Amino acid sequence: MQDISQDVAVLDTTANTQATRFTYVAPPRKPYPFLIGICRRFLFKSFITFVFLGTAIYLVYDVLTDKGSDAGATRARLVKNIKIFSVPLVSLLFTWFHVWLALQMMFYPIEFYGCPSRPIVPVWLDLPINGWQGIVPRKAGLMAQRCCDKMIGNIVTIEEFANRVHPAHFWDQLQDMFGKICSEVLNKVIVTRWPALWAALPNKVKEELQLKVFEETRNSFLPALVELKVNINSILDIRAMATEALTNDPALMVNIFREVATRELLFITHVAAVMGFILGLVQVGLYLAFQTGGIMDLHFKYTDYVMLPVSGLLIGFGTNWLALKMTFSPIWPHMMCGNYINIQGVFLKRQKEAADQMATAICKKVIDARAMVNYMIKENNSGAGMDKVLEIYRRHIDEAVDKSIGRLSGVCPGFVKEEMERLKTDVVEMSLDMIPTYSKDIERYMDETMDVQQTLSSRLARVTPPEFEDIIHPIFQQDEWILLFVGGFLGVVIGLLQAYALQNIH
């Protein structure tokens, strides 16, 4: 017992050390005034409405006010204006679409689609060349490993969760359940082996025997639970459990990432659309400059086929790069305008909210009490963890049975002692058969006591921004070039289509 007490003390010290590590508090930002907050909430929708509706109104107004020209001239003027105005509008829609498409390609499809049905991935490219599968589901194993290495065992540990379960409190909170199990096991053991004897015993004697068995079970259970706590790291590898759960269920991992990064994904598409419009205006400026006289008189038949695809390449690549950059940079907050504005990466800016979303998503199905139990008993885990649990359980149950049988020796036949070993086996098997009936009570207690979700959420919210950024960003950083490539490639395609339209629509 002395060794166990020392081990528990070590766990307490480790937990205290962990708690002092998470001390970062984000600087408070003042909420925007009401009207500014409303405008900011609908800023992007207002921008889109203004751009398209404003363009339509201008074109209609220009036609209606052009009364000095004949119908042919008016039509030619309208066509010319449509060509010019279409450049920034198409640039906006294209940028919006290609960024959305690239983000979808990061997550979908969950399963590989191609011919043959198995992906062919050259090492130098690290992408399938015969079909497509979302980056996240295709690399679910690698990403799950990185994510769990950063959080499980680093931010939180299984030892500290186990240390929160106090044996006496565990028993007191679930004593009704344990009482029912003890009574049912005692009844089954004696009724199965000596039905006539059990029927002949007075109710008072039965109740006394059940009470004694309950007391002995408690006395053996408490040290068994302490021993389980001390050996929890060899019984349950929570990091491997979480990694395997995410690896085996790519859809779950996709849902977690999309749920946590919903606002960031939306932000990326909105920023790209706005930047696409601005750069489209630059395209218009260059287009008009090539048509003027003087030093910029470089316009010839195929100028559009050079300028528009090149500018499309720059727009597609540049807007994606800028959107990704703004998501994670700058890392540290920079408060401005009396703390009304925080210049910081948009994902890092809402670290507290994102931390809570990550913890909720991960704990819901990955590292709750039920997942821990299922992981220990499943076949592909070789049962090593559960074997150790059963070994500890059997050893302490044996002691309880020895003491309980000693109390029954005055009323049971002499041959009872000869069947002691078989009796112990029956007790273990019967009690294990009954525990699943009460598993929900145990899982509820374990979840409430270990408080994994709240702990993970609180600590993720209080790590420094560089550490928080290092948890999420590296998972996508390796494949950001795909987002940039798709943007640039589609930019060239759309630029060529624009050039063709400008040259052939009259």
Protein backbone atom coordinates (compact mmCIF):
# COMPACT_ATOMS: atom_id res chain seq x y z
CA MET A 1 0.00 0.00 0.00
CA GLN A 2 2.90 2.35 0.68
CA ASP A 3 4.16 1.97 -2.90
CA ILE A 4 0.66 2.67 -4.24
CA SER A 5 0.38 5.80 -2.10
CA GLN A 6 3.71 7.03 -3.43
CA ASP A 7 2.58 6.43 -7.01
CA VAL A 8 -0.66 8.34 -6.40
CA ALA A 9 1.35 11.21 -4.91
CA VAL A 10 3.46 11.30 -8.08
CA LEU A 11 0.28 11.53 -10.17
CA ASP A 12 -0.91 14.46 -8.03
CA THR A 13 2.40 16.26 -8.54
CA THR A 14 2.25 15.71 -12.31
CA ALA A 15 -1.30 17.07 -12.46
CA ASN A 16 -0.29 20.19 -10.51
CA THR A 17 2.65 20.76 -12.84
CA GLN A 18 0.37 20.48 -15.87
CA ALA A 19 -2.12 22.93 -14.38
CA THR A 20 0.51 25.67 -13.93
CA ARG A 21 1.52 25.45 -17.59
CA PHE A 22 -1.71 26.77 -19.07
CA THR A 23 -1.72 30.44 -18.07
CA TYR A 24 -2.18 32.40 -21.31
CA VAL A 25 -5.10 34.82 -21.30
CA ALA A 26 -6.00 36.60 -24.53
CA PRO A 27 -6.18 40.40 -24.25
CA PRO A 28 -9.80 41.56 -23.97
CA ARG A 29 -11.30 43.13 -27.07
CA LYS A 30 -14.07 45.66 -26.73
CA PRO A 31 -17.26 44.75 -28.59
CA TYR A 32 -18.08 46.84 -31.61
CA PRO A 33 -20.78 49.49 -31.21
CA PHE A 34 -24.20 48.14 -32.15
CA LEU A 35 -24.46 49.66 -35.63
CA ILE A 36 -20.90 48.75 -36.56
CA GLY A 37 -21.48 45.21 -35.32
CA ILE A 38 -24.60 44.87 -37.49
CA CYS A 39 -22.78 46.25 -40.54
CA ARG A 40 -19.85 43.92 -39.95
CA ARG A 41 -22.16 40.91 -39.67
CA PHE A 42 -23.72 41.61 -43.06
CA LEU A 43 -20.66 43.18 -44.67
CA PHE A 44 -19.97 40.48 -47.25
CA LYS A 45 -23.60 40.07 -48.30
CA SER A 46 -23.91 43.84 -48.57
CA PHE A 47 -20.75 43.95 -50.68
CA ILE A 48 -22.03 41.30 -53.11
CA THR A 49 -25.42 43.02 -53.38
CA PHE A 50 -23.82 46.42 -53.97
CA VAL A 51 -21.42 45.13 -56.64
CA PHE A 52 -23.94 43.22 -58.76
CA LEU A 53 -26.96 45.43 -58.21
CA GLY A 54 -24.86 48.57 -58.64
CA THR A 55 -23.43 47.25 -61.92
CA ALA A 56 -26.89 46.41 -63.26
CA ILE A 57 -28.26 49.81 -62.27
CA TYR A 58 -25.36 51.61 -63.93
CA LEU A 59 -25.71 49.67 -67.19
CA VAL A 60 -29.45 50.34 -67.33
CA TYR A 61 -28.95 54.00 -66.44
CA ASP A 62 -26.27 54.40 -69.11
CA VAL A 63 -28.58 53.00 -71.78
CA LEU A 64 -31.54 55.11 -70.71
CA THR A 65 -29.53 58.33 -70.65
CA ASP A 66 -27.75 57.74 -73.97
CA LYS A 67 -30.36 59.49 -76.12
CA GLY A 68 -28.00 61.10 -78.58
CA SER A 69 -26.92 57.88 -80.31
CA ASP A 70 -28.72 55.55 -82.66
CA ALA A 71 -29.71 52.01 -81.67
CA GLY A 72 -26.58 50.45 -83.16
CA ALA A 73 -24.24 52.77 -81.29
CA THR A 74 -26.17 52.29 -78.06
CA ARG A 75 -25.97 48.53 -78.46
CA ALA A 76 -22.24 48.67 -79.19
CA ARG A 77 -21.70 50.86 -76.15
CA LEU A 78 -23.70 48.45 -73.99
CA VAL A 79 -21.72 45.45 -75.27
CA LYS A 80 -18.44 47.24 -74.59
CA ASN A 81 -19.54 48.16 -71.07
CA ILE A 82 -20.69 44.60 -70.39
CA LYS A 83 -17.29 43.31 -71.51
CA ILE A 84 -15.44 45.68 -69.22
CA PHE A 85 -17.72 45.27 -66.21
CA SER A 86 -17.77 41.50 -66.61
CA VAL A 87 -14.04 41.26 -65.90
CA PRO A 88 -14.16 42.12 -62.16
CA LEU A 89 -17.50 40.34 -61.72
CA VAL A 90 -16.23 37.15 -63.34
CA SER A 91 -13.02 37.49 -61.34
CA LEU A 92 -15.08 37.71 -58.14
CA LEU A 93 -17.26 34.70 -58.97
CA PHE A 94 -14.35 32.67 -60.26
CA THR A 95 -12.21 33.34 -57.20
CA TRP A 96 -15.10 32.57 -54.90
CA PHE A 97 -15.77 29.31 -56.75
CA HIS A 98 -12.21 28.06 -57.12
CA VAL A 99 -11.43 28.62 -53.45
CA TRP A 100 -14.64 26.82 -52.48
CA LEU A 101 -13.76 23.98 -54.83
CA ALA A 102 -10.23 23.68 -53.50
CA LEU A 103 -11.54 23.53 -49.93
CA GLN A 104 -14.04 20.84 -50.89
CA MET A 105 -11.21 18.87 -52.46
CA MET A 106 -9.43 18.97 -49.10
CA PHE A 107 -12.28 16.99 -47.52
CA TYR A 108 -14.22 15.13 -50.22
CA PRO A 109 -14.82 12.54 -51.44
CA ILE A 110 -14.35 10.42 -48.32
CA GLU A 111 -13.66 7.30 -50.40
CA PHE A 112 -11.34 7.22 -53.40
CA TYR A 113 -12.97 7.64 -56.83
CA GLY A 114 -10.96 6.65 -59.85
CA CYS A 115 -9.93 3.87 -62.17
CA PRO A 116 -8.77 1.47 -60.96
CA SER A 117 -10.46 1.72 -57.58
CA ARG A 118 -7.11 1.82 -55.82
CA PRO A 119 -5.19 5.15 -55.79
CA ILE A 120 -1.81 5.36 -57.51
CA VAL A 121 0.25 7.93 -55.60
CA PRO A 122 3.79 8.73 -56.83
CA VAL A 123 6.09 9.57 -53.93
CA TRP A 124 7.34 12.77 -55.54
CA LEU A 125 3.79 14.06 -56.11
CA ASP A 126 2.05 12.73 -52.99
CA LEU A 127 -1.27 12.86 -54.86
CA PRO A 128 -3.26 10.18 -56.72
CA ILE A 129 -2.89 10.40 -60.48
CA ASN A 130 -5.80 8.08 -61.37
CA GLY A 131 -8.64 9.72 -59.42
CA TRP A 132 -9.27 11.73 -56.32
CA GLN A 133 -9.88 11.40 -52.62
CA GLY A 134 -10.10 14.24 -50.12
CA ILE A 135 -6.74 15.18 -48.63
CA VAL A 136 -7.98 14.75 -45.06
CA PRO A 137 -9.56 11.27 -45.47
CA ARG A 138 -6.65 10.07 -47.63
CA LYS A 139 -4.16 11.14 -44.95
CA ALA A 140 -6.43 10.41 -42.01
CA GLY A 141 -3.84 8.22 -40.31
CA LEU A 142 -1.01 10.73 -40.55
CA MET A 143 -3.18 13.67 -39.56
CA ALA A 144 -4.74 11.77 -36.66
CA GLN A 145 -1.27 10.86 -35.41
CA ARG A 146 -0.08 14.46 -35.57
CA CYS A 147 -3.21 15.83 -33.94
CA CYS A 148 -3.19 13.30 -31.11
CA ASP A 149 0.54 13.70 -30.51
CA LYS A 150 -0.01 17.41 -30.02
CA MET A 151 -2.97 17.04 -27.66
CA ILE A 152 -3.19 13.60 -26.04
CA GLY A 153 -0.28 13.11 -23.68
CA ASN A 154 0.78 16.70 -24.18
CA ILE A 155 -2.21 18.87 -23.35
CA VAL A 156 -3.95 16.15 -21.33
CA THR A 157 -2.87 12.73 -19.99
CA ILE A 158 -4.71 9.58 -19.01
CA GLU A 159 -2.88 9.53 -15.67
CA GLU A 160 -4.39 12.79 -14.52
CA PHE A 161 -7.88 11.70 -15.54
CA ALA A 162 -7.49 8.44 -13.64
CA ASN A 163 -6.22 10.36 -10.65
CA ARG A 164 -9.54 12.22 -10.44
CA VAL A 165 -11.39 8.99 -9.72
CA HIS A 166 -11.22 8.49 -5.93
CA PRO A 167 -12.07 4.89 -4.97
CA ALA A 168 -14.16 5.75 -1.89
CA HIS A 169 -16.14 8.39 -3.80
CA PHE A 170 -16.60 6.02 -6.74
CA TRP A 171 -18.05 3.37 -4.42
CA ASP A 172 -20.27 5.82 -2.55
CA GLN A 173 -21.74 7.26 -5.73
CA LEU A 174 -22.44 3.83 -7.22
CA GLN A 175 -23.11 1.82 -4.07
CA ASP A 176 -26.71 1.08 -5.08
CA MET A 177 -25.41 -0.50 -8.26
CA PHE A 178 -22.74 -2.49 -6.41
CA GLY A 179 -25.30 -3.58 -3.83
CA LYS A 180 -27.56 -4.98 -6.55
CA ILE A 181 -24.65 -6.77 -8.21
CA CYS A 182 -23.48 -8.31 -4.92
CA SER A 183 -27.00 -9.47 -4.04
CA GLU A 184 -27.62 -10.97 -7.48
CA VAL A 185 -24.25 -12.74 -7.55
CA LEU A 186 -24.77 -14.17 -4.06
CA ASN A 187 -28.26 -15.36 -4.96
CA LYS A 188 -27.13 -16.98 -8.20
CA VAL A 189 -24.12 -18.69 -6.63
CA ILE A 190 -26.02 -20.22 -3.74
CA VAL A 191 -29.26 -20.95 -5.63
CA THR A 192 -27.30 -22.65 -8.40
CA ARG A 193 -25.25 -24.80 -6.06
CA TRP A 194 -27.40 -25.21 -2.96
CA PRO A 195 -31.00 -24.22 -3.77
CA ALA A 196 -32.50 -26.16 -0.88
CA LEU A 197 -30.15 -24.55 1.62
CA TRP A 198 -30.86 -21.03 0.37
CA ALA A 199 -34.62 -21.63 0.46
CA ALA A 200 -34.36 -22.87 4.07
CA LEU A 201 -32.44 -19.85 5.34
CA PRO A 202 -34.49 -17.21 7.16
CA ASN A 203 -34.76 -13.83 5.43
CA LYS A 204 -32.84 -12.18 8.27
CA VAL A 205 -29.91 -14.51 7.72
CA LYS A 206 -30.03 -13.85 3.97
CA GLU A 207 -29.96 -10.11 4.53
CA GLU A 208 -27.06 -10.44 6.95
CA LEU A 209 -25.09 -12.56 4.50
CA GLN A 210 -25.74 -10.06 1.69
CA LEU A 211 -24.58 -7.21 3.92
CA LYS A 212 -21.39 -9.04 4.85
CA VAL A 213 -20.66 -9.89 1.23
CA PHE A 214 -21.25 -6.23 0.31
CA GLU A 215 -18.79 -5.09 2.99
CA GLU A 216 -16.11 -7.55 1.92
CA THR A 217 -16.59 -6.60 -1.72
CA ARG A 218 -16.10 -2.94 -0.83
CA ASN A 219 -12.97 -3.71 1.17
CA SER A 220 -11.47 -5.54 -1.81
CA PHE A 221 -12.73 -3.11 -4.45
CA LEU A 222 -11.05 0.01 -3.08
CA PRO A 223 -7.46 -1.27 -3.26
CA ALA A 224 -8.25 -2.86 -6.65
CA LEU A 225 -9.30 0.52 -8.03
CA VAL A 226 -6.18 2.17 -6.61
CA GLU A 227 -4.05 -0.46 -8.33
CA LEU A 228 -5.90 0.12 -11.60
CA LYS A 229 -5.24 3.87 -11.34
CA VAL A 230 -1.53 3.37 -10.74
CA ASN A 231 -1.26 1.02 -13.74
CA ILE A 232 -3.62 2.92 -16.02
CA ASN A 233 -0.90 3.89 -18.49
CA SER A 234 -0.07 0.25 -19.19
CA ILE A 235 -3.76 -0.68 -19.32
CA LEU A 236 -5.02 2.05 -21.66
CA ASP A 237 -2.99 3.94 -24.28
CA ILE A 238 -5.36 6.87 -24.79
CA ARG A 239 -3.20 8.39 -27.54
CA ALA A 240 -3.23 5.18 -29.56
CA MET A 241 -6.96 4.83 -28.89
CA ALA A 242 -7.75 8.32 -30.22
CA THR A 243 -5.44 7.91 -33.21
CA GLU A 244 -7.00 4.59 -34.18
CA ALA A 245 -10.54 5.92 -33.79
CA LEU A 246 -9.87 8.85 -36.14
CA THR A 247 -7.87 6.76 -38.60
CA ASN A 248 -10.59 4.12 -38.90
CA ASP A 249 -13.34 6.69 -39.40
CA PRO A 250 -12.17 9.32 -41.93
CA ALA A 251 -15.68 10.78 -42.12
CA LEU A 252 -15.52 11.51 -38.39
CA MET A 253 -12.22 13.30 -38.83
CA VAL A 254 -13.57 15.35 -41.74
CA ASN A 255 -16.62 16.33 -39.68
CA ILE A 256 -14.41 17.40 -36.77
CA PHE A 257 -12.20 19.59 -38.93
CA ARG A 258 -15.12 21.13 -40.81
CA GLU A 259 -17.06 21.76 -37.61
CA VAL A 260 -14.12 23.40 -35.88
CA ALA A 261 -12.99 25.44 -38.89
CA THR A 262 -16.41 26.42 -40.30
CA ARG A 263 -15.86 30.12 -39.79
CA GLU A 264 -12.31 30.00 -41.12
CA LEU A 265 -13.37 28.14 -44.27
CA LEU A 266 -16.11 30.71 -44.86
CA PHE A 267 -13.66 33.53 -44.19
CA ILE A 268 -11.22 32.16 -46.76
CA THR A 269 -13.89 32.08 -49.49
CA HIS A 270 -15.14 35.58 -48.63
CA VAL A 271 -11.66 37.11 -48.59
CA ALA A 272 -10.86 35.41 -51.88
CA ALA A 273 -14.04 36.79 -53.47
CA VAL A 274 -13.29 40.35 -52.37
CA MET A 275 -9.68 40.11 -53.47
CA GLY A 276 -10.79 38.63 -56.76
CA PHE A 277 -13.00 41.66 -57.37
CA ILE A 278 -10.23 44.10 -56.50
CA LEU A 279 -7.74 42.36 -58.76
CA GLY A 280 -10.42 42.22 -61.44
CA LEU A 281 -10.48 46.00 -61.32
CA VAL A 282 -6.73 45.92 -61.85
CA GLN A 283 -7.34 43.71 -64.89
CA VAL A 284 -9.77 46.30 -66.24
CA GLY A 285 -7.18 49.03 -65.74
CA LEU A 286 -4.58 47.06 -67.64
CA TYR A 287 -7.06 46.18 -70.37
CA LEU A 288 -7.97 49.82 -70.90
CA ALA A 289 -4.33 50.88 -70.74
CA PHE A 290 -3.44 48.52 -73.59
CA GLN A 291 -6.16 50.16 -75.70
CA THR A 292 -4.95 53.73 -75.18
CA GLY A 293 -2.39 55.52 -77.25
CA GLY A 294 1.09 56.58 -76.24
CA ILE A 295 3.57 54.54 -74.27
CA MET A 296 1.01 51.84 -73.39
CA ASP A 297 -0.12 51.28 -76.96
CA LEU A 298 0.76 47.59 -76.95
CA HIS A 299 -2.67 46.24 -77.79
CA PHE A 300 -2.87 43.64 -80.51
CA LYS A 301 -5.21 40.81 -81.34
CA TYR A 302 -3.82 38.28 -78.88
CA THR A 303 -3.01 40.61 -75.97
CA ASP A 304 -6.12 39.43 -74.07
CA TYR A 305 -4.96 35.81 -74.38
CA VAL A 306 -1.77 36.75 -72.57
CA MET A 307 -2.88 39.37 -70.07
CA LEU A 308 -6.08 37.74 -68.78
CA PRO A 309 -4.67 34.22 -68.18
CA VAL A 310 -1.54 35.65 -66.52
CA SER A 311 -3.57 37.95 -64.31
CA GLY A 312 -5.95 35.03 -63.61
CA LEU A 313 -2.97 32.96 -62.50
CA LEU A 314 -1.83 35.73 -60.17
CA ILE A 315 -5.35 36.26 -58.83
CA GLY A 316 -6.01 32.56 -58.23
CA PHE A 317 -2.67 31.95 -56.56
CA GLY A 318 -2.47 35.26 -54.73
CA THR A 319 -5.96 35.28 -53.23
CA ASN A 320 -5.58 31.76 -51.90
CA TRP A 321 -2.18 32.57 -50.44
CA LEU A 322 -3.49 35.71 -48.78
CA ALA A 323 -6.56 33.97 -47.35
CA LEU A 324 -4.44 31.16 -45.89
CA LYS A 325 -1.97 33.68 -44.52
CA MET A 326 -4.69 35.68 -42.82
CA THR A 327 -6.09 32.53 -41.20
CA PHE A 328 -2.98 31.84 -39.09
CA SER A 329 -0.97 35.10 -39.18
CA PRO A 330 -0.04 37.08 -37.26
CA ILE A 331 0.20 34.57 -34.44
CA TRP A 332 0.20 36.97 -31.50
CA PRO A 333 -2.64 39.48 -31.01
CA HIS A 334 -2.05 43.14 -31.91
CA MET A 335 -4.69 45.33 -30.26
CA MET A 336 -5.52 48.62 -32.00
CA CYS A 337 -8.03 51.48 -31.87
CA GLY A 338 -8.56 51.30 -28.12
CA ASN A 339 -8.83 47.49 -28.14
CA TYR A 340 -11.75 47.50 -30.59
CA ILE A 341 -9.66 45.79 -33.28
CA ASN A 342 -7.38 42.79 -32.94
CA ILE A 343 -4.99 42.15 -35.81
CA GLN A 344 -4.40 38.41 -35.54
CA GLY A 345 -4.97 35.26 -37.57
CA VAL A 346 -8.72 34.68 -37.65
CA PHE A 347 -8.42 31.13 -36.31
CA LEU A 348 -6.13 32.22 -33.48
CA LYS A 349 -8.33 35.23 -32.78
CA ARG A 350 -11.11 32.94 -31.60
CA GLN A 351 -8.87 30.48 -29.79
CA LYS A 352 -11.24 30.05 -26.85
CA GLU A 353 -14.24 29.26 -29.04
CA ALA A 354 -12.26 26.97 -31.34
CA ALA A 355 -10.78 25.17 -28.32
CA ASP A 356 -14.25 24.41 -26.99
CA GLN A 357 -15.41 23.17 -30.40
CA MET A 358 -12.35 20.94 -30.77
CA ALA A 359 -12.77 19.46 -27.30
CA THR A 360 -16.48 18.83 -27.81
CA ALA A 361 -15.97 17.19 -31.20
CA ILE A 362 -13.10 14.99 -30.02
CA CYS A 363 -14.64 13.92 -26.71
CA LYS A 364 -18.07 13.18 -28.14
CA LYS A 365 -16.98 9.95 -29.83
CA VAL A 366 -13.24 9.56 -29.47
CA ILE A 367 -12.11 9.69 -25.84
CA ASP A 368 -15.20 9.40 -23.67
CA ALA A 369 -15.63 6.64 -21.07
CA ARG A 370 -17.49 4.31 -23.43
CA ALA A 371 -14.77 4.64 -26.09
CA MET A 372 -12.12 3.82 -23.48
CA VAL A 373 -13.92 0.66 -22.37
CA ASN A 374 -14.60 -0.46 -25.94
CA TYR A 375 -10.98 0.09 -26.89
CA MET A 376 -9.71 -2.08 -24.02
CA ILE A 377 -11.97 -5.03 -24.79
CA LYS A 378 -11.90 -5.10 -28.58
CA GLU A 379 -10.18 -7.96 -30.33
CA ASN A 380 -7.66 -6.05 -32.45
CA ASN A 381 -6.16 -4.58 -29.30
CA SER A 382 -5.13 -8.16 -28.37
CA GLY A 383 -7.00 -7.71 -25.09
CA ALA A 384 -3.79 -6.84 -23.23
CA GLY A 385 -5.31 -3.97 -21.31
CA MET A 386 -8.45 -5.87 -20.36
CA ASP A 387 -6.39 -8.92 -19.38
CA LYS A 388 -4.53 -6.79 -16.88
CA VAL A 389 -7.79 -5.34 -15.55
CA LEU A 390 -9.24 -8.84 -15.15
CA GLU A 391 -6.08 -10.08 -13.44
CA ILE A 392 -6.31 -7.29 -10.86
CA TYR A 393 -10.05 -7.81 -10.51
CA ARG A 394 -9.77 -11.58 -10.03
CA ARG A 395 -7.00 -11.25 -7.48
CA HIS A 396 -8.99 -8.91 -5.27
CA ILE A 397 -12.26 -10.82 -5.80
CA ASP A 398 -10.48 -13.98 -4.62
CA GLU A 399 -9.69 -12.25 -1.36
CA ALA A 400 -13.30 -11.11 -0.99
CA VAL A 401 -14.62 -14.61 -1.70
CA ASP A 402 -12.21 -16.13 0.82
CA LYS A 403 -13.47 -13.79 3.52
CA SER A 404 -17.10 -14.17 2.52
CA ILE A 405 -16.95 -17.96 2.48
CA GLY A 406 -15.41 -17.83 5.91
CA ARG A 407 -18.55 -16.10 7.13
CA LEU A 408 -20.72 -18.74 5.44
CA SER A 409 -18.84 -21.70 6.87
CA GLY A 410 -21.21 -22.00 9.80
CA VAL A 411 -24.29 -22.59 7.64
CA CYS A 412 -22.88 -24.24 4.49
CA PRO A 413 -21.91 -27.90 4.06
CA GLY A 414 -18.30 -28.89 4.58
CA PHE A 415 -17.65 -29.63 0.91
CA VAL A 416 -18.10 -25.92 0.09
CA LYS A 417 -14.41 -25.29 0.70
CA GLU A 418 -13.51 -28.02 -1.78
CA GLU A 419 -15.26 -26.07 -4.54
CA MET A 420 -13.65 -22.77 -3.61
CA GLU A 421 -11.81 -22.30 -6.89
CA ARG A 422 -14.85 -23.07 -8.98
CA LEU A 423 -16.85 -20.73 -6.80
CA LYS A 424 -14.39 -17.90 -7.36
CA THR A 425 -14.57 -18.42 -11.09
CA ASP A 426 -18.37 -18.32 -11.00
CA VAL A 427 -18.35 -15.12 -8.96
CA VAL A 428 -16.04 -13.39 -11.42
CA GLU A 429 -18.00 -14.57 -14.47
CA MET A 430 -21.40 -13.71 -12.99
CA SER A 431 -20.32 -10.26 -11.85
CA LEU A 432 -18.77 -9.53 -15.25
CA ASP A 433 -21.99 -10.64 -16.93
CA MET A 434 -24.00 -8.21 -14.79
CA ILE A 435 -21.73 -5.16 -15.10
CA PRO A 436 -22.81 -4.35 -18.72
CA THR A 437 -26.37 -3.94 -17.39
CA TYR A 438 -25.12 -1.02 -15.32
CA SER A 439 -22.48 0.24 -17.76
CA LYS A 440 -24.34 3.49 -18.44
CA ASP A 441 -24.19 4.42 -14.76
CA ILE A 442 -20.45 3.72 -14.67
CA GLU A 443 -19.79 5.60 -17.90
CA ARG A 444 -21.81 8.59 -16.72
CA TYR A 445 -19.86 8.73 -13.48
CA MET A 446 -16.51 8.37 -15.26
CA ASP A 447 -17.32 11.13 -17.78
CA GLU A 448 -18.48 13.51 -15.06
CA THR A 449 -15.53 12.77 -12.79
CA MET A 450 -12.73 12.75 -15.34
CA ASP A 451 -14.21 15.83 -17.06
CA VAL A 452 -12.10 15.26 -20.18
CA GLN A 453 -14.01 17.69 -22.39
CA GLN A 454 -13.85 20.66 -20.03
CA THR A 455 -10.19 20.01 -19.23
CA LEU A 456 -9.15 19.76 -22.87
CA SER A 457 -11.20 22.82 -23.79
CA SER A 458 -9.81 24.92 -20.94
CA ARG A 459 -6.21 24.00 -21.64
CA LEU A 460 -6.42 24.49 -25.39
CA ALA A 461 -7.85 27.92 -24.71
CA ARG A 462 -4.98 28.79 -22.36
CA VAL A 463 -1.95 27.56 -24.28
CA THR A 464 0.07 30.29 -25.97
CA PRO A 465 -0.98 31.24 -29.54
CA PRO A 466 2.21 29.72 -31.07
CA GLU A 467 1.44 26.38 -29.43
CA PHE A 468 -2.24 26.55 -30.42
CA GLU A 469 -1.25 27.36 -34.00
CA ASP A 470 1.21 24.47 -33.96
CA ILE A 471 -1.59 22.05 -33.08
CA ILE A 472 -3.75 22.79 -36.12
CA HIS A 473 -1.75 24.53 -38.85
CA PRO A 474 0.89 21.83 -39.53
CA ILE A 475 -1.91 19.34 -40.23
CA PHE A 476 -2.85 21.33 -43.37
CA GLN A 477 0.41 23.15 -44.06
CA GLN A 478 1.95 20.29 -46.01
CA ASP A 479 -0.92 20.33 -48.53
CA GLU A 480 -1.55 24.06 -48.81
CA TRP A 481 0.24 24.04 -52.15
CA ILE A 482 -2.71 22.10 -53.57
CA LEU A 483 -5.05 24.97 -52.72
CA LEU A 484 -2.62 27.40 -54.34
CA PHE A 485 -2.15 25.23 -57.43
CA VAL A 486 -5.88 24.75 -57.99
CA GLY A 487 -6.41 28.51 -57.68
CA GLY A 488 -3.66 29.32 -60.17
CA PHE A 489 -4.70 26.64 -62.66
CA LEU A 490 -8.35 27.64 -62.65
CA GLY A 491 -7.24 31.28 -62.92
CA VAL A 492 -5.53 30.52 -66.22
CA VAL A 493 -8.57 28.62 -67.50
CA ILE A 494 -11.00 31.40 -66.60
CA GLY A 495 -8.61 33.98 -68.06
CA LEU A 496 -8.60 32.18 -71.39
CA LEU A 497 -12.40 31.98 -71.38
CA GLN A 498 -12.59 35.69 -70.59
CA ALA A 499 -10.19 36.49 -73.45
CA TYR A 500 -12.24 34.41 -75.85
CA ALA A 501 -15.45 36.18 -74.79
CA LEU A 502 -13.91 39.63 -75.13
CA GLN A 503 -12.59 38.82 -78.59
CA ASN A 504 -15.73 37.18 -79.98
CA ILE A 505 -18.74 38.90 -78.38
CA HIS A 506 -19.82 41.90 -80.46
